[in-house]
Amino acid sequence: MVSRPLIVIVGPTAVGKTELALRLGGEFGGEVISADSRQIYKGMDIGTAKPTAEERRRVPHHLVDLIEPDEGFTLVQYQENAYEAIDEVLSRGRLPFLVGGTGLYVKALVEGFSVPRVEPKMARRRALLKEARERGAEALHGRLKEVDPVAAARIDPQNVRRVVRALEVYEATGQPISRLQRKEPPPYRILKIGLNRERKALYRRIDERVDRMMEVGLLEEVKRLVEKGYGYDLPAMSGLGYKQLGLYLRGEVDLAEAVRMIKSETRRFVRQQYKWFRLDDETINWIEVDGDPYAEARALVGAFSRSDRLSLGMCSIRP
């Protein structure tokens, strides 16, 4: 019987994943492995809703503050770092919680994607990103459709970073990334918990969170990054909040419009996240959040921890 447990908490931005993970981690002796592609960057704290120092003291977090904003970080690197962190947590008798809203990170880890080991060539990546800005994301996606229609069908045209990565792999190997990717489930027994809120309520939380980020210094954070020499064309600076405030700092929009754009783009991002974390996915124990989800999540984790009937791979249980 497999005895290496992993708890996975997923859901859209601002739904309440961090708060739940902190409470569950505190009760069950857990540590968080971040599955957030933006929290890996140092100095990008407010805009990525990074856990605070106090929260990290309460429950240790891994895969946060890994690299500088101008450094590259591949999916292979994420997998290797995440598996190492999970195993290290388990070796100390602690319970790992994989928590985040980056669907590609979560799926690559729990499904065991075999990812092509192609190092990014930053000059070529910048050229492709520039092409997307000048010709439009759809045009770049059209190029991918020509060489890898399977990958193109899976990737949202607006997800420029994934389109660029698929093109990088094809140019480096001469083979479609869809052909090179395989799956080998990792040796964990996995409980997946998903948080879902009624869409209007979630959008209100997003608006409130953006306003709170502005109040605590998001604009100043973006200014500091620019002053340190991090260019607006960096992938890290294309994230929600950073991109829109960059437009303001360059005088292309006023501040009110930049904030409105952050809120609007975050809602669009939520819709994209629901394509990764589908509500009809029976491997996910969905909790409808109209209050405090803790009691239901606690029952799921408690039953999972006590179970002696779990087998390798995905697990879906109800209390």
Protein backbone atom coordinates (compact mmCIF):
# COMPACT_ATOMS: atom_id res chain seq x y z
CA MET A 1 0.00 0.00 0.00
CA VAL A 2 1.22 3.49 -0.82
CA SER A 3 1.75 5.51 2.35
CA ARG A 4 3.06 8.82 1.04
CA PRO A 5 0.17 11.27 1.40
CA LEU A 6 -0.21 14.54 -0.46
CA ILE A 7 -3.05 17.02 0.03
CA VAL A 8 -3.79 19.27 -2.96
CA ILE A 9 -5.83 22.46 -2.57
CA VAL A 10 -6.89 24.15 -5.80
CA GLY A 11 -9.30 26.78 -7.01
CA PRO A 12 -9.35 30.20 -8.62
CA THR A 13 -7.58 33.34 -7.49
CA ALA A 14 -8.97 34.97 -4.32
CA VAL A 15 -11.21 32.01 -3.46
CA GLY A 16 -9.52 31.43 -0.07
CA LYS A 17 -6.91 28.70 -0.67
CA THR A 18 -4.19 30.28 1.45
CA GLU A 19 -6.41 30.83 4.49
CA LEU A 20 -7.64 27.23 4.35
CA ALA A 21 -4.14 25.81 3.91
CA LEU A 22 -2.87 27.76 6.91
CA ARG A 23 -5.63 26.42 9.15
CA LEU A 24 -5.34 22.83 7.94
CA GLY A 25 -1.55 22.94 8.03
CA GLY A 26 -1.61 24.22 11.59
CA GLU A 27 -3.93 21.45 12.77
CA PHE A 28 -2.49 18.50 10.83
CA GLY A 29 1.21 19.31 11.08
CA GLY A 30 1.46 20.41 7.48
CA GLU A 31 3.74 22.44 5.27
CA VAL A 32 2.77 24.21 2.06
CA ILE A 33 4.37 23.60 -1.33
CA SER A 34 3.36 26.54 -3.48
CA ALA A 35 1.86 25.88 -6.92
CA ASP A 36 1.89 29.53 -7.97
CA SER A 37 3.99 30.55 -10.98
CA ARG A 38 4.30 34.15 -9.74
CA GLN A 39 5.24 33.59 -6.12
CA ILE A 40 8.57 32.11 -7.24
CA TYR A 41 9.87 35.65 -7.91
CA LYS A 42 11.73 37.58 -5.22
CA GLY A 43 10.55 41.11 -4.56
CA MET A 44 7.11 40.51 -6.05
CA ASP A 45 5.14 40.12 -2.85
CA ILE A 46 2.01 42.27 -2.89
CA GLY A 47 0.89 41.65 -6.46
CA THR A 48 1.28 37.88 -6.12
CA ALA A 49 -0.55 37.73 -2.76
CA LYS A 50 2.50 36.00 -1.32
CA PRO A 51 2.11 34.60 2.21
CA THR A 52 3.39 37.01 4.83
CA ALA A 53 6.40 36.35 7.06
CA GLU A 54 4.04 35.72 9.98
CA GLU A 55 2.02 33.20 7.94
CA ARG A 56 5.21 31.40 6.93
CA ARG A 57 6.23 31.18 10.56
CA ARG A 58 2.88 29.58 11.38
CA VAL A 59 3.09 27.06 8.53
CA PRO A 60 6.35 26.64 6.57
CA HIS A 61 6.11 27.38 2.83
CA HIS A 62 8.26 25.99 0.04
CA LEU A 63 8.87 27.18 -3.56
CA VAL A 64 8.39 30.84 -2.69
CA ASP A 65 11.08 33.46 -3.46
CA LEU A 66 13.15 31.10 -5.60
CA ILE A 67 14.49 33.36 -8.35
CA GLU A 68 15.01 36.98 -9.38
CA PRO A 69 12.41 38.51 -11.73
CA ASP A 70 14.80 38.40 -14.69
CA GLU A 71 15.68 34.71 -14.31
CA GLY A 72 14.05 31.89 -16.25
CA PHE A 73 12.25 29.00 -14.58
CA THR A 74 10.98 25.99 -16.51
CA LEU A 75 8.25 23.50 -15.73
CA VAL A 76 10.95 20.84 -15.32
CA GLN A 77 12.61 22.97 -12.65
CA TYR A 78 9.30 23.42 -10.89
CA GLN A 79 8.63 19.67 -10.88
CA GLU A 80 12.09 18.84 -9.56
CA ASN A 81 11.91 21.45 -6.82
CA ALA A 82 8.37 20.48 -5.85
CA TYR A 83 9.02 16.73 -5.68
CA GLU A 84 12.14 17.39 -3.61
CA ALA A 85 10.19 19.63 -1.22
CA ILE A 86 7.35 17.12 -0.85
CA ASP A 87 9.76 14.28 -0.11
CA GLU A 88 11.68 16.42 2.37
CA VAL A 89 8.45 17.32 4.21
CA LEU A 90 7.39 13.66 4.30
CA SER A 91 10.83 12.57 5.57
CA ARG A 92 10.23 14.68 8.68
CA GLY A 93 6.85 13.10 9.34
CA ARG A 94 4.98 16.21 8.21
CA LEU A 95 2.04 16.44 5.82
CA PRO A 96 2.63 18.22 2.49
CA PHE A 97 -0.07 20.53 1.10
CA LEU A 98 0.29 21.47 -2.56
CA VAL A 99 -1.57 24.78 -2.81
CA GLY A 100 -2.06 27.12 -5.73
CA GLY A 101 -3.95 28.25 -8.75
CA THR A 102 -1.42 27.58 -11.51
CA GLY A 103 -3.13 24.68 -13.22
CA LEU A 104 -0.14 23.62 -15.27
CA TYR A 105 2.02 23.33 -12.15
CA VAL A 106 -0.59 21.28 -10.31
CA LYS A 107 -1.31 18.91 -13.18
CA ALA A 108 2.36 18.46 -14.05
CA LEU A 109 3.03 17.43 -10.48
CA VAL A 110 0.07 15.20 -9.60
CA GLU A 111 -0.18 13.56 -13.03
CA GLY A 112 3.57 13.24 -13.47
CA PHE A 113 4.11 15.03 -16.77
CA SER A 114 7.33 14.09 -18.51
CA VAL A 115 8.40 17.54 -19.65
CA PRO A 116 10.91 18.16 -22.47
CA ARG A 117 14.20 19.33 -20.97
CA VAL A 118 14.72 22.30 -23.24
CA GLU A 119 16.44 25.26 -21.64
CA PRO A 120 14.91 28.59 -22.64
CA LYS A 121 16.95 30.86 -24.88
CA MET A 122 16.08 34.23 -23.44
CA ALA A 123 16.86 36.23 -26.59
CA ARG A 124 14.55 34.03 -28.65
CA ARG A 125 11.88 34.12 -25.92
CA ARG A 126 11.99 37.92 -25.88
CA ALA A 127 11.65 37.97 -29.65
CA LEU A 128 8.55 35.75 -29.52
CA LEU A 129 7.02 37.85 -26.75
CA LYS A 130 7.68 40.97 -28.79
CA GLU A 131 6.00 39.34 -31.78
CA ALA A 132 2.94 38.61 -29.65
CA ARG A 133 2.78 42.23 -28.51
CA GLU A 134 3.17 43.62 -32.02
CA ARG A 135 1.13 41.14 -34.05
CA GLY A 136 -1.21 39.91 -31.35
CA ALA A 137 -1.50 36.74 -29.29
CA GLU A 138 -3.74 35.08 -31.90
CA ALA A 139 -1.08 35.44 -34.58
CA LEU A 140 1.54 33.72 -32.41
CA HIS A 141 -0.98 31.01 -31.54
CA GLY A 142 -1.55 30.53 -35.26
CA ARG A 143 2.13 29.73 -35.70
CA LEU A 144 1.85 27.07 -33.02
CA LYS A 145 -1.24 25.64 -34.70
CA GLU A 146 0.80 25.08 -37.86
CA VAL A 147 3.54 23.03 -36.15
CA ASP A 148 1.65 21.46 -33.23
CA PRO A 149 -2.14 21.54 -33.64
CA VAL A 150 -2.63 19.23 -30.65
CA ALA A 151 -0.83 21.59 -28.28
CA ALA A 152 -2.55 24.59 -29.88
CA ALA A 153 -5.95 23.05 -29.16
CA ARG A 154 -5.01 22.68 -25.50
CA ILE A 155 -3.49 26.13 -24.97
CA ASP A 156 -5.54 29.29 -24.62
CA PRO A 157 -4.33 31.75 -27.31
CA GLN A 158 -4.13 34.43 -24.61
CA ASN A 159 -1.74 32.33 -22.55
CA VAL A 160 1.25 33.73 -24.40
CA ARG A 161 3.84 32.22 -22.08
CA ARG A 162 2.65 28.67 -22.79
CA VAL A 163 2.43 29.35 -26.53
CA VAL A 164 5.99 30.69 -26.48
CA ARG A 165 7.23 27.67 -24.53
CA ALA A 166 5.62 25.23 -26.98
CA LEU A 167 7.27 27.07 -29.88
CA GLU A 168 10.62 27.03 -28.05
CA VAL A 169 10.45 23.26 -27.64
CA TYR A 170 9.53 22.73 -31.29
CA GLU A 171 12.32 24.98 -32.53
CA ALA A 172 14.89 23.28 -30.26
CA THR A 173 13.89 19.66 -30.91
CA GLY A 174 12.05 19.66 -34.23
CA GLN A 175 9.23 17.77 -32.48
CA PRO A 176 5.86 18.98 -31.16
CA ILE A 177 5.73 19.41 -27.39
CA SER A 178 2.50 17.39 -27.39
CA ARG A 179 4.43 14.38 -28.69
CA LEU A 180 7.22 14.75 -26.14
CA GLN A 181 4.97 15.02 -23.11
CA ARG A 182 4.14 11.77 -21.30
CA LYS A 183 2.62 11.02 -17.92
CA GLU A 184 3.81 8.80 -15.07
CA PRO A 185 1.86 9.35 -11.84
CA PRO A 186 4.10 10.05 -8.82
CA PRO A 187 4.22 7.63 -5.86
CA TYR A 188 1.81 9.53 -3.64
CA ARG A 189 -1.74 8.91 -2.49
CA ILE A 190 -3.47 12.15 -3.27
CA LEU A 191 -6.49 13.95 -1.89
CA LYS A 192 -7.62 16.91 -3.99
CA ILE A 193 -9.79 19.62 -2.47
CA GLY A 194 -11.24 22.38 -4.62
CA LEU A 195 -12.74 25.64 -3.41
CA ASN A 196 -15.49 27.29 -5.43
CA ARG A 197 -17.41 30.50 -4.80
CA GLU A 198 -20.44 31.88 -6.53
CA ARG A 199 -18.99 33.95 -9.38
CA LYS A 200 -20.38 37.35 -8.37
CA ALA A 201 -19.13 36.87 -4.81
CA LEU A 202 -15.72 35.84 -6.11
CA TYR A 203 -15.53 38.91 -8.34
CA ARG A 204 -16.35 41.12 -5.34
CA ARG A 205 -13.50 39.51 -3.42
CA ILE A 206 -11.18 40.13 -6.35
CA ASP A 207 -12.12 43.81 -6.49
CA GLU A 208 -11.65 44.16 -2.74
CA ARG A 209 -8.29 42.39 -2.89
CA VAL A 210 -7.01 44.62 -5.69
CA ASP A 211 -8.08 47.71 -3.74
CA ARG A 212 -6.31 46.35 -0.66
CA MET A 213 -3.15 45.66 -2.68
CA MET A 214 -3.14 49.24 -3.88
CA GLU A 215 -3.61 50.51 -0.33
CA VAL A 216 -0.65 48.52 1.01
CA GLY A 217 1.76 49.57 -1.73
CA LEU A 218 1.44 47.62 -4.99
CA LEU A 219 2.28 50.68 -7.08
CA GLU A 220 5.39 51.33 -4.98
CA GLU A 221 6.39 47.68 -5.39
CA VAL A 222 6.21 47.98 -9.18
CA LYS A 223 8.20 51.24 -9.08
CA ARG A 224 10.94 49.56 -7.03
CA LEU A 225 11.22 46.71 -9.51
CA VAL A 226 11.51 49.14 -12.42
CA GLU A 227 14.10 51.21 -10.55
CA LYS A 228 16.16 48.05 -10.05
CA GLY A 229 16.28 47.66 -13.82
CA TYR A 230 13.68 44.95 -14.38
CA GLY A 231 12.21 45.66 -17.81
CA TYR A 232 8.53 45.72 -18.65
CA ASP A 233 9.18 43.04 -21.29
CA LEU A 234 10.19 40.40 -18.73
CA PRO A 235 7.72 37.51 -18.28
CA ALA A 236 7.66 38.26 -14.54
CA MET A 237 6.53 41.81 -15.24
CA SER A 238 3.64 40.60 -17.40
CA GLY A 239 1.77 39.31 -14.36
CA LEU A 240 -1.53 40.68 -13.10
CA GLY A 241 -1.00 44.07 -11.51
CA TYR A 242 2.55 44.53 -12.72
CA LYS A 243 1.64 44.78 -16.39
CA GLN A 244 -1.24 47.20 -15.87
CA LEU A 245 0.64 49.46 -13.45
CA GLY A 246 3.52 49.41 -15.90
CA LEU A 247 1.16 50.97 -18.45
CA TYR A 248 0.38 53.69 -15.91
CA LEU A 249 4.05 54.35 -15.13
CA ARG A 250 4.77 54.73 -18.84
CA GLY A 251 1.94 57.24 -19.15
CA GLU A 252 -0.25 55.05 -21.38
CA VAL A 253 -3.27 55.00 -19.02
CA ASP A 254 -4.26 56.85 -15.87
CA LEU A 255 -4.14 55.15 -12.48
CA ALA A 256 -7.89 54.57 -12.21
CA GLU A 257 -7.90 52.83 -15.58
CA ALA A 258 -4.90 50.70 -14.62
CA VAL A 259 -6.70 49.51 -11.48
CA ARG A 260 -9.85 48.81 -13.46
CA MET A 261 -7.77 46.76 -15.90
CA ILE A 262 -6.22 44.72 -13.07
CA LYS A 263 -9.68 43.80 -11.80
CA SER A 264 -10.98 42.97 -15.29
CA GLU A 265 -7.94 40.88 -16.24
CA THR A 266 -8.09 39.01 -12.93
CA ARG A 267 -11.69 38.03 -13.67
CA ARG A 268 -10.63 36.81 -17.09
CA PHE A 269 -7.83 34.83 -15.45
CA VAL A 270 -10.36 33.19 -13.13
CA ARG A 271 -12.34 32.00 -16.13
CA GLN A 272 -9.15 30.51 -17.53
CA GLN A 273 -8.40 28.78 -14.21
CA TYR A 274 -11.77 27.04 -14.32
CA LYS A 275 -10.64 25.37 -17.54
CA TRP A 276 -7.86 23.73 -15.53
CA PHE A 277 -9.92 22.99 -12.42
CA ARG A 278 -13.25 21.84 -13.78
CA LEU A 279 -16.23 21.63 -11.47
CA ASP A 280 -17.24 18.32 -13.07
CA ASP A 281 -13.82 16.78 -12.28
CA GLU A 282 -14.75 13.87 -10.01
CA THR A 283 -11.18 13.53 -8.70
CA ILE A 284 -11.61 16.87 -6.93
CA ASN A 285 -13.63 17.14 -3.73
CA TRP A 286 -15.32 20.47 -4.41
CA ILE A 287 -16.41 22.64 -1.51
CA GLU A 288 -18.91 25.37 -2.27
CA VAL A 289 -17.73 28.31 -0.22
CA ASP A 290 -20.62 30.43 1.01
CA GLY A 291 -19.15 30.80 4.47
CA ASP A 292 -16.28 29.03 6.19
CA PRO A 293 -15.07 25.93 4.29
CA TYR A 294 -12.88 24.73 7.14
CA ALA A 295 -15.18 22.17 8.75
CA GLU A 296 -15.83 20.30 5.50
CA ALA A 297 -12.17 20.42 4.46
CA ARG A 298 -11.07 19.28 7.91
CA ALA A 299 -13.38 16.26 7.70
CA LEU A 300 -11.95 15.34 4.29
CA VAL A 301 -8.35 15.57 5.47
CA GLY A 302 -9.14 13.69 8.67
CA ALA A 303 -10.80 10.83 6.81
CA PHE A 304 -7.97 10.74 4.30
CA SER A 305 -5.35 10.62 7.05
CA ARG A 306 -7.12 7.73 8.77
CA SER A 307 -7.87 5.70 5.68
CA ASP A 308 -6.08 2.41 5.14
CA ARG A 309 -7.84 1.66 1.87
CA LEU A 310 -6.12 4.17 -0.39
CA SER A 311 -4.25 3.13 -3.49
CA LEU A 312 -1.75 4.76 -5.80
CA GLY A 313 -2.85 7.80 -7.73
CA MET A 314 -5.88 10.04 -7.48
CA CYS A 315 -8.26 9.69 -4.59
CA SER A 316 -11.72 11.17 -4.12
CA ILE A 317 -13.47 10.61 -0.82
CA ARG A 318 -16.35 12.10 1.06
CA PRO A 319 -16.68 12.35 4.85
